């Protein structure tokens, strides 16, 4: 048995599982923002998955969806000054809630004790979703001026406590 080829195959399937899991986590995270934005009435203009060169896109009603070359990030374009601190917090928490629900559900499925052919994929999905949820809870501002979900929620909480409105 050639252990080197076995190791390469294992690494490539693990890598592919994680790439698919992270991509699905990002897509579902952004769709969570879209759904929660629609719930609170924020007009959503677009959903962007990835960075770099735009590969393809489509329109559904008033919303433009686009996928870019490096699909490991994303954002939802919306009216920045719509609503108050509660609206901002609900919009920011939408993606994190979706990631937590899917991550915890995948983890529960893996830990249920029933062996299944998809266990390894569910472990990757759980890790990607829970990791993305944790990463987005960290309050930070990016170089381009955008803010993480954690920072938006923190600012909304502080603004709500002071009785002011917050803008993205």
N, C-alpha and C. Protein backbone atom coordinates (compact mmCIF):
# COMPACT_ATOMS: atom_id res chain seq x y z
N UNK A 1 0.85 -1.18 0.00
CA UNK A 1 0.00 0.00 0.00
C UNK A 1 0.89 1.24 0.00
N UNK A 2 0.56 2.20 -0.86
CA UNK A 2 1.33 3.42 -0.98
C UNK A 2 0.71 4.47 -0.03
N UNK A 3 1.33 4.67 1.13
CA UNK A 3 0.80 5.58 2.15
C UNK A 3 0.83 7.03 1.72
N UNK A 4 1.77 7.37 0.83
CA UNK A 4 1.85 8.74 0.36
C UNK A 4 0.60 9.11 -0.45
N UNK A 5 0.16 8.22 -1.33
CA UNK A 5 -1.04 8.50 -2.12
C UNK A 5 -2.29 8.50 -1.23
N UNK A 6 -2.32 7.65 -0.22
CA UNK A 6 -3.44 7.65 0.72
C UNK A 6 -3.50 8.98 1.47
N UNK A 7 -2.34 9.47 1.92
CA UNK A 7 -2.29 10.74 2.64
C UNK A 7 -2.72 11.90 1.74
N UNK A 8 -2.26 11.91 0.49
CA UNK A 8 -2.65 12.98 -0.44
C UNK A 8 -4.15 12.95 -0.69
N UNK A 9 -4.72 11.76 -0.85
CA UNK A 9 -6.16 11.65 -1.06
C UNK A 9 -6.94 12.13 0.14
N UNK A 10 -6.47 11.79 1.33
CA UNK A 10 -7.14 12.21 2.56
C UNK A 10 -7.10 13.72 2.71
N UNK A 11 -5.93 14.32 2.45
CA UNK A 11 -5.79 15.77 2.56
C UNK A 11 -6.67 16.47 1.53
N UNK A 12 -6.72 15.94 0.30
CA UNK A 12 -7.51 16.61 -0.73
C UNK A 12 -9.01 16.51 -0.43
N UNK A 13 -9.49 15.37 0.08
CA UNK A 13 -10.92 15.28 0.40
C UNK A 13 -11.26 16.13 1.62
N UNK A 14 -10.37 16.18 2.59
CA UNK A 14 -10.60 17.03 3.76
C UNK A 14 -10.61 18.49 3.34
N UNK A 15 -9.68 18.88 2.48
CA UNK A 15 -9.63 20.25 1.99
C UNK A 15 -10.90 20.60 1.23
N UNK A 16 -11.35 19.70 0.37
CA UNK A 16 -12.55 19.95 -0.41
C UNK A 16 -13.78 20.04 0.49
N UNK A 17 -13.86 19.20 1.50
CA UNK A 17 -14.97 19.28 2.46
C UNK A 17 -15.00 20.63 3.16
N UNK A 18 -13.83 21.09 3.61
CA UNK A 18 -13.78 22.36 4.33
C UNK A 18 -14.10 23.53 3.41
N UNK A 19 -13.61 23.49 2.16
CA UNK A 19 -13.91 24.57 1.21
C UNK A 19 -15.42 24.64 0.98
N UNK A 20 -16.05 23.50 0.75
CA UNK A 20 -17.50 23.48 0.54
C UNK A 20 -18.25 23.92 1.80
N UNK A 21 -17.78 23.49 2.96
CA UNK A 21 -18.44 23.87 4.22
C UNK A 21 -18.33 25.37 4.48
N UNK A 22 -17.16 25.94 4.25
CA UNK A 22 -16.97 27.38 4.47
C UNK A 22 -17.80 28.18 3.47
N UNK A 23 -17.79 27.74 2.21
CA UNK A 23 -18.59 28.42 1.19
C UNK A 23 -20.07 28.40 1.57
N UNK A 24 -20.56 27.23 2.00
CA UNK A 24 -21.98 27.14 2.39
C UNK A 24 -22.26 28.00 3.62
N UNK A 25 -21.31 28.08 4.54
CA UNK A 25 -21.50 28.91 5.73
C UNK A 25 -21.61 30.38 5.36
N UNK A 26 -20.77 30.83 4.43
CA UNK A 26 -20.82 32.24 4.00
C UNK A 26 -22.13 32.54 3.28
N UNK A 27 -22.52 31.67 2.36
CA UNK A 27 -23.76 31.89 1.61
C UNK A 27 -24.96 31.94 2.56
N UNK A 28 -25.07 30.96 3.45
CA UNK A 28 -26.21 30.93 4.36
C UNK A 28 -26.16 32.08 5.37
N UNK A 29 -24.96 32.51 5.76
CA UNK A 29 -24.80 33.66 6.65
C UNK A 29 -25.40 34.91 5.99
N UNK A 30 -25.02 35.14 4.74
CA UNK A 30 -25.52 36.33 4.04
C UNK A 30 -27.02 36.24 3.78
N UNK A 31 -27.52 35.04 3.48
CA UNK A 31 -28.96 34.87 3.31
C UNK A 31 -29.69 35.10 4.63
N UNK A 32 -29.03 34.80 5.75
CA UNK A 32 -29.60 35.11 7.06
C UNK A 32 -29.78 36.61 7.24
N UNK A 33 -28.76 37.39 6.82
CA UNK A 33 -28.90 38.85 6.87
C UNK A 33 -30.06 39.30 5.98
N UNK A 34 -30.17 38.71 4.80
CA UNK A 34 -31.24 39.07 3.87
C UNK A 34 -32.62 38.79 4.48
N UNK A 35 -32.81 37.62 5.03
CA UNK A 35 -34.09 37.24 5.62
C UNK A 35 -34.43 38.13 6.81
N UNK A 36 -33.47 38.33 7.72
CA UNK A 36 -33.74 39.16 8.89
C UNK A 36 -33.96 40.62 8.48
N UNK A 37 -33.26 41.08 7.43
CA UNK A 37 -33.50 42.43 6.92
C UNK A 37 -34.91 42.58 6.38
N UNK A 38 -35.37 41.56 5.67
CA UNK A 38 -36.74 41.59 5.13
C UNK A 38 -37.77 41.57 6.28
N UNK A 39 -37.46 40.82 7.34
CA UNK A 39 -38.37 40.74 8.48
C UNK A 39 -38.58 42.10 9.13
N UNK A 40 -37.49 42.87 9.29
CA UNK A 40 -37.62 44.18 9.93
C UNK A 40 -37.89 45.30 8.93
N UNK A 41 -38.03 44.96 7.65
CA UNK A 41 -38.41 45.94 6.64
C UNK A 41 -37.29 46.77 6.06
N UNK A 42 -36.04 46.33 6.18
CA UNK A 42 -34.93 47.06 5.59
C UNK A 42 -34.87 46.74 4.10
N UNK A 43 -34.87 47.78 3.24
CA UNK A 43 -34.78 47.51 1.80
C UNK A 43 -33.39 46.99 1.41
N UNK A 44 -33.32 45.72 1.02
CA UNK A 44 -32.06 45.09 0.63
C UNK A 44 -31.90 45.27 -0.87
N UNK A 45 -30.72 45.75 -1.29
CA UNK A 45 -30.43 46.02 -2.69
C UNK A 45 -29.69 44.85 -3.33
N UNK A 46 -28.74 44.26 -2.59
CA UNK A 46 -27.95 43.19 -3.18
C UNK A 46 -27.31 42.28 -2.16
N UNK A 47 -26.96 41.08 -2.62
CA UNK A 47 -26.22 40.11 -1.82
C UNK A 47 -24.98 39.74 -2.61
N UNK A 48 -23.81 39.96 -2.01
CA UNK A 48 -22.53 39.69 -2.68
C UNK A 48 -21.82 38.58 -1.92
N UNK A 49 -21.43 37.54 -2.64
CA UNK A 49 -20.66 36.44 -2.06
C UNK A 49 -19.27 36.50 -2.68
N UNK A 50 -18.26 36.69 -1.84
CA UNK A 50 -16.89 36.67 -2.30
C UNK A 50 -16.28 38.04 -2.50
N UNK A 51 -15.02 38.00 -2.89
CA UNK A 51 -14.25 39.21 -3.18
C UNK A 51 -13.55 39.03 -4.51
N UNK A 52 -13.01 40.12 -5.04
CA UNK A 52 -12.29 40.04 -6.30
C UNK A 52 -13.21 40.19 -7.49
N UNK A 53 -12.79 39.62 -8.61
CA UNK A 53 -13.51 39.74 -9.86
C UNK A 53 -14.88 39.05 -9.80
N UNK A 54 -15.89 39.74 -10.33
CA UNK A 54 -17.25 39.18 -10.35
C UNK A 54 -17.31 38.09 -11.41
N UNK A 55 -17.78 36.91 -11.01
CA UNK A 55 -17.89 35.79 -11.93
C UNK A 55 -19.25 35.75 -12.62
N UNK A 56 -20.32 35.88 -11.84
CA UNK A 56 -21.66 35.89 -12.41
C UNK A 56 -22.62 36.49 -11.40
N UNK A 57 -23.80 36.80 -11.88
CA UNK A 57 -24.83 37.37 -11.02
C UNK A 57 -26.20 37.23 -11.64
N UNK A 58 -27.23 37.54 -10.87
CA UNK A 58 -28.60 37.49 -11.35
C UNK A 58 -29.45 38.39 -10.48
N UNK A 59 -30.64 38.71 -10.97
CA UNK A 59 -31.59 39.54 -10.22
C UNK A 59 -32.82 38.72 -9.89
N UNK A 60 -33.31 38.94 -8.68
CA UNK A 60 -34.60 38.40 -8.26
C UNK A 60 -35.39 39.57 -7.69
N UNK A 61 -36.33 40.05 -8.46
CA UNK A 61 -37.06 41.23 -8.04
C UNK A 61 -36.14 42.43 -7.98
N UNK A 62 -36.09 43.09 -6.83
CA UNK A 62 -35.25 44.28 -6.66
C UNK A 62 -33.86 43.95 -6.12
N UNK A 63 -33.57 42.66 -5.91
CA UNK A 63 -32.31 42.27 -5.28
C UNK A 63 -31.36 41.67 -6.32
N UNK A 64 -30.12 42.18 -6.33
CA UNK A 64 -29.09 41.65 -7.22
C UNK A 64 -28.19 40.72 -6.43
N UNK A 65 -28.00 39.51 -6.92
CA UNK A 65 -27.11 38.53 -6.31
C UNK A 65 -25.88 38.43 -7.20
N UNK A 66 -24.68 38.39 -6.59
CA UNK A 66 -23.47 38.20 -7.39
C UNK A 66 -22.46 37.35 -6.63
N UNK A 67 -21.73 36.54 -7.41
CA UNK A 67 -20.70 35.67 -6.86
C UNK A 67 -19.36 36.11 -7.46
N UNK A 68 -18.37 36.29 -6.57
CA UNK A 68 -17.06 36.76 -6.98
C UNK A 68 -16.03 35.63 -6.87
N UNK A 69 -14.82 35.89 -7.36
CA UNK A 69 -13.81 34.85 -7.55
C UNK A 69 -13.35 34.18 -6.25
N UNK A 70 -13.23 34.91 -5.17
CA UNK A 70 -12.77 34.33 -3.90
C UNK A 70 -13.96 34.30 -2.95
N UNK A 71 -14.64 33.14 -2.86
CA UNK A 71 -15.95 33.09 -2.19
C UNK A 71 -15.92 32.88 -0.69
N UNK A 72 -14.98 33.49 0.02
CA UNK A 72 -14.88 33.25 1.46
C UNK A 72 -15.25 34.46 2.29
N UNK A 73 -16.02 35.36 1.73
CA UNK A 73 -16.56 36.49 2.48
C UNK A 73 -17.81 36.95 1.74
N UNK A 74 -18.48 37.93 2.27
CA UNK A 74 -19.67 38.43 1.61
C UNK A 74 -20.28 39.57 2.39
N UNK A 75 -21.27 40.18 1.79
CA UNK A 75 -21.99 41.25 2.46
C UNK A 75 -23.35 41.44 1.80
N UNK A 76 -24.24 42.09 2.54
CA UNK A 76 -25.56 42.43 2.04
C UNK A 76 -25.61 43.94 1.89
N UNK A 77 -25.99 44.40 0.71
CA UNK A 77 -26.11 45.84 0.46
C UNK A 77 -27.53 46.27 0.82
N UNK A 78 -27.62 47.29 1.64
CA UNK A 78 -28.93 47.78 2.08
C UNK A 78 -28.85 49.26 2.36
N UNK A 79 -30.00 49.87 2.63
CA UNK A 79 -30.07 51.28 2.98
C UNK A 79 -29.41 51.47 4.34
N UNK A 80 -28.28 52.17 4.35
CA UNK A 80 -27.48 52.29 5.57
C UNK A 80 -28.18 53.03 6.70
N UNK A 81 -29.04 53.94 6.37
CA UNK A 81 -29.61 54.80 7.40
C UNK A 81 -31.06 54.45 7.70
N UNK A 82 -31.44 53.24 7.47
CA UNK A 82 -32.82 52.81 7.66
C UNK A 82 -33.00 52.25 9.06
N UNK A 83 -33.95 52.78 9.78
CA UNK A 83 -34.29 52.23 11.10
C UNK A 83 -33.37 52.71 12.21
N UNK A 84 -33.65 52.23 13.40
CA UNK A 84 -32.89 52.62 14.57
C UNK A 84 -31.98 51.51 15.04
N UNK A 85 -31.54 51.60 16.30
CA UNK A 85 -30.58 50.63 16.82
C UNK A 85 -31.12 49.21 16.85
N UNK A 86 -32.39 49.03 17.12
CA UNK A 86 -32.96 47.68 17.14
C UNK A 86 -32.93 47.06 15.75
N UNK A 87 -33.27 47.85 14.74
CA UNK A 87 -33.24 47.37 13.35
C UNK A 87 -31.82 46.96 12.96
N UNK A 88 -30.86 47.79 13.31
CA UNK A 88 -29.45 47.49 13.01
C UNK A 88 -29.01 46.20 13.70
N UNK A 89 -29.40 46.04 14.95
CA UNK A 89 -29.00 44.84 15.70
C UNK A 89 -29.64 43.59 15.11
N UNK A 90 -30.91 43.66 14.74
CA UNK A 90 -31.59 42.50 14.15
C UNK A 90 -30.95 42.14 12.82
N UNK A 91 -30.66 43.13 12.00
CA UNK A 91 -30.00 42.89 10.71
C UNK A 91 -28.62 42.27 10.90
N UNK A 92 -27.86 42.77 11.87
CA UNK A 92 -26.51 42.25 12.12
C UNK A 92 -26.53 40.84 12.69
N UNK A 93 -27.50 40.53 13.52
CA UNK A 93 -27.53 39.22 14.18
C UNK A 93 -28.08 38.12 13.25
N UNK A 94 -28.71 38.50 12.15
CA UNK A 94 -29.33 37.52 11.26
C UNK A 94 -28.40 36.43 10.77
N UNK A 95 -27.24 36.80 10.27
CA UNK A 95 -26.29 35.80 9.77
C UNK A 95 -25.75 34.92 10.87
N UNK A 96 -25.49 35.51 12.02
CA UNK A 96 -24.94 34.74 13.15
C UNK A 96 -25.96 33.72 13.64
N UNK A 97 -27.22 34.11 13.71
CA UNK A 97 -28.27 33.18 14.15
C UNK A 97 -28.36 31.99 13.20
N UNK A 98 -28.34 32.25 11.90
CA UNK A 98 -28.40 31.16 10.92
C UNK A 98 -27.20 30.23 11.09
N UNK A 99 -25.99 30.81 11.24
CA UNK A 99 -24.79 29.98 11.43
C UNK A 99 -24.88 29.15 12.70
N UNK A 100 -25.38 29.73 13.77
CA UNK A 100 -25.51 28.97 15.03
C UNK A 100 -26.53 27.84 14.91
N UNK A 101 -27.65 28.10 14.27
CA UNK A 101 -28.67 27.05 14.11
C UNK A 101 -28.12 25.89 13.29
N UNK A 102 -27.50 26.19 12.16
CA UNK A 102 -26.99 25.12 11.30
C UNK A 102 -25.80 24.43 11.96
N UNK A 103 -24.91 25.20 12.59
CA UNK A 103 -23.74 24.62 13.24
C UNK A 103 -24.12 23.69 14.39
N UNK A 104 -25.03 24.13 15.24
CA UNK A 104 -25.46 23.31 16.38
C UNK A 104 -26.24 22.09 15.90
N UNK A 105 -27.07 22.26 14.87
CA UNK A 105 -27.81 21.12 14.32
C UNK A 105 -26.86 20.09 13.73
N UNK A 106 -25.85 20.53 13.00
CA UNK A 106 -24.88 19.60 12.41
C UNK A 106 -24.09 18.89 13.50
N UNK A 107 -23.71 19.63 14.52
CA UNK A 107 -22.97 19.03 15.63
C UNK A 107 -23.83 18.01 16.36
N UNK A 108 -25.09 18.32 16.58
CA UNK A 108 -25.99 17.38 17.25
C UNK A 108 -26.16 16.11 16.42
N UNK A 109 -26.24 16.27 15.11
CA UNK A 109 -26.36 15.10 14.24
C UNK A 109 -25.12 14.23 14.35
N UNK A 110 -23.95 14.86 14.37
CA UNK A 110 -22.69 14.10 14.48
C UNK A 110 -22.59 13.39 15.82
N UNK A 111 -23.07 14.00 16.87
CA UNK A 111 -22.95 13.44 18.21
C UNK A 111 -24.11 12.53 18.60
N UNK A 112 -25.04 12.33 17.68
CA UNK A 112 -26.22 11.52 17.99
C UNK A 112 -25.90 10.05 18.19
N UNK A 113 -24.72 9.62 17.77
CA UNK A 113 -24.31 8.24 17.99
C UNK A 113 -24.62 7.32 16.84
N UNK A 114 -25.42 7.76 15.90
CA UNK A 114 -25.73 6.93 14.75
C UNK A 114 -24.67 7.17 13.67
N UNK A 115 -23.89 6.15 13.31
CA UNK A 115 -22.90 6.35 12.25
C UNK A 115 -23.60 6.59 10.91
N UNK A 116 -23.08 7.48 10.17
CA UNK A 116 -23.69 7.86 8.91
C UNK A 116 -22.59 8.18 7.92
N UNK A 117 -22.86 7.96 6.64
CA UNK A 117 -21.84 8.20 5.61
C UNK A 117 -21.44 9.68 5.53
N UNK A 118 -22.31 10.58 5.95
CA UNK A 118 -22.04 12.02 5.82
C UNK A 118 -21.47 12.63 7.09
N UNK A 119 -21.10 11.81 8.09
CA UNK A 119 -20.60 12.35 9.36
C UNK A 119 -19.45 13.33 9.18
N UNK A 120 -18.48 12.97 8.35
CA UNK A 120 -17.32 13.86 8.17
C UNK A 120 -17.72 15.19 7.56
N UNK A 121 -18.67 15.17 6.64
CA UNK A 121 -19.12 16.42 6.05
C UNK A 121 -19.87 17.24 7.08
N UNK A 122 -20.67 16.59 7.92
CA UNK A 122 -21.39 17.33 8.97
C UNK A 122 -20.43 17.92 9.99
N UNK A 123 -19.34 17.24 10.29
CA UNK A 123 -18.32 17.82 11.17
C UNK A 123 -17.75 19.08 10.54
N UNK A 124 -17.45 19.02 9.25
CA UNK A 124 -16.91 20.19 8.55
C UNK A 124 -17.93 21.33 8.55
N UNK A 125 -19.19 21.00 8.30
CA UNK A 125 -20.25 22.03 8.30
C UNK A 125 -20.38 22.66 9.68
N UNK A 126 -20.39 21.82 10.72
CA UNK A 126 -20.50 22.34 12.09
C UNK A 126 -19.33 23.26 12.41
N UNK A 127 -18.12 22.83 12.08
CA UNK A 127 -16.93 23.64 12.35
C UNK A 127 -16.97 24.96 11.59
N UNK A 128 -17.35 24.92 10.31
CA UNK A 128 -17.39 26.14 9.50
C UNK A 128 -18.44 27.12 10.01
N UNK A 129 -19.63 26.62 10.30
CA UNK A 129 -20.71 27.52 10.74
C UNK A 129 -20.46 28.10 12.13
N UNK A 130 -20.03 27.25 13.05
CA UNK A 130 -19.76 27.76 14.40
C UNK A 130 -18.55 28.69 14.41
N UNK A 131 -17.54 28.37 13.60
CA UNK A 131 -16.37 29.24 13.48
C UNK A 131 -16.74 30.60 12.90
N UNK A 132 -17.57 30.59 11.84
CA UNK A 132 -17.98 31.86 11.23
C UNK A 132 -18.83 32.69 12.18
N UNK A 133 -19.70 32.02 12.94
CA UNK A 133 -20.51 32.75 13.92
C UNK A 133 -19.62 33.41 14.98
N UNK A 134 -18.64 32.66 15.47
CA UNK A 134 -17.72 33.21 16.48
C UNK A 134 -16.91 34.36 15.90
N UNK A 135 -16.42 34.19 14.68
CA UNK A 135 -15.60 35.23 14.02
C UNK A 135 -16.41 36.51 13.84
N UNK A 136 -17.67 36.39 13.50
CA UNK A 136 -18.50 37.57 13.26
C UNK A 136 -18.96 38.24 14.55
N UNK A 137 -18.84 37.56 15.67
CA UNK A 137 -19.18 38.20 16.95
C UNK A 137 -18.09 39.13 17.45
N UNK A 138 -16.88 39.00 16.91
CA UNK A 138 -15.76 39.85 17.34
C UNK A 138 -15.98 41.27 16.81
N UNK A 139 -16.07 42.26 17.71
CA UNK A 139 -16.26 43.64 17.24
C UNK A 139 -14.98 44.20 16.63
N UNK A 140 -15.03 44.50 15.34
CA UNK A 140 -13.85 45.05 14.66
C UNK A 140 -14.29 45.87 13.46
N UNK A 141 -13.43 46.83 13.08
CA UNK A 141 -13.69 47.64 11.90
C UNK A 141 -12.63 47.29 10.86
N UNK A 142 -13.07 47.12 9.61
CA UNK A 142 -12.17 46.72 8.55
C UNK A 142 -11.48 47.94 7.95
N UNK A 143 -10.44 47.69 7.15
CA UNK A 143 -9.68 48.79 6.55
C UNK A 143 -10.52 49.65 5.63
N UNK A 144 -11.52 49.06 4.97
CA UNK A 144 -12.36 49.84 4.05
C UNK A 144 -13.49 50.59 4.76
N UNK A 145 -13.52 50.51 6.10
CA UNK A 145 -14.52 51.23 6.87
C UNK A 145 -15.73 50.41 7.26
N UNK A 146 -15.90 49.24 6.64
CA UNK A 146 -17.02 48.37 7.02
C UNK A 146 -16.83 47.86 8.43
N UNK A 147 -17.94 47.43 9.03
CA UNK A 147 -17.91 46.97 10.42
C UNK A 147 -18.38 45.53 10.48
N UNK A 148 -17.83 44.79 11.42
CA UNK A 148 -18.27 43.40 11.63
C UNK A 148 -19.64 43.40 12.28
N UNK A 149 -20.31 42.24 12.21
CA UNK A 149 -21.61 42.11 12.85
C UNK A 149 -21.51 42.38 14.34
N UNK A 150 -20.43 41.91 14.96
CA UNK A 150 -20.23 42.13 16.39
C UNK A 150 -20.14 43.60 16.74
N UNK A 151 -19.41 44.38 15.92
CA UNK A 151 -19.28 45.82 16.17
C UNK A 151 -20.62 46.51 15.94
N UNK A 152 -21.35 46.11 14.89
CA UNK A 152 -22.67 46.71 14.65
C UNK A 152 -23.62 46.44 15.82
N UNK A 153 -23.58 45.22 16.33
CA UNK A 153 -24.45 44.90 17.48
C UNK A 153 -24.02 45.66 18.71
N UNK A 154 -22.71 45.79 18.93
CA UNK A 154 -22.21 46.53 20.08
C UNK A 154 -22.62 47.99 20.00
N UNK A 155 -22.43 48.60 18.81
CA UNK A 155 -22.82 50.00 18.63
C UNK A 155 -24.32 50.19 18.79
N UNK A 156 -25.10 49.23 18.28
CA UNK A 156 -26.56 49.32 18.42
C UNK A 156 -26.96 49.23 19.88
N UNK A 157 -26.32 48.34 20.63
CA UNK A 157 -26.61 48.20 22.05
C UNK A 157 -26.26 49.49 22.80
N UNK A 158 -25.07 50.03 22.54
CA UNK A 158 -24.66 51.28 23.20
C UNK A 158 -25.59 52.42 22.82
N UNK A 159 -25.95 52.50 21.54
CA UNK A 159 -26.84 53.55 21.07
C UNK A 159 -28.23 53.40 21.69
N UNK A 160 -28.69 52.17 21.79
CA UNK A 160 -30.01 51.91 22.38
C UNK A 160 -30.01 52.33 23.85
N UNK A 161 -28.90 52.04 24.53
CA UNK A 161 -28.79 52.41 25.95
C UNK A 161 -28.79 53.93 26.12
N UNK A 162 -28.21 54.64 25.13
CA UNK A 162 -28.18 56.10 25.18
C UNK A 162 -29.43 56.74 24.58
N UNK A 163 -30.23 55.92 23.84
CA UNK A 163 -31.44 56.44 23.21
C UNK A 163 -31.20 57.12 21.89
N UNK A 164 -30.10 56.81 21.21
CA UNK A 164 -29.79 57.41 19.91
C UNK A 164 -29.97 56.37 18.82
N UNK A 165 -30.00 56.85 17.58
CA UNK A 165 -30.06 55.96 16.42
C UNK A 165 -28.64 55.68 15.94
N UNK A 166 -28.43 54.53 15.32
CA UNK A 166 -27.10 54.17 14.84
C UNK A 166 -27.19 53.90 13.34
N UNK A 167 -26.16 54.27 12.62
CA UNK A 167 -26.11 54.02 11.17
C UNK A 167 -24.93 53.12 10.88
N UNK A 168 -25.08 52.32 9.86
CA UNK A 168 -24.02 51.38 9.47
C UNK A 168 -22.87 52.11 8.86
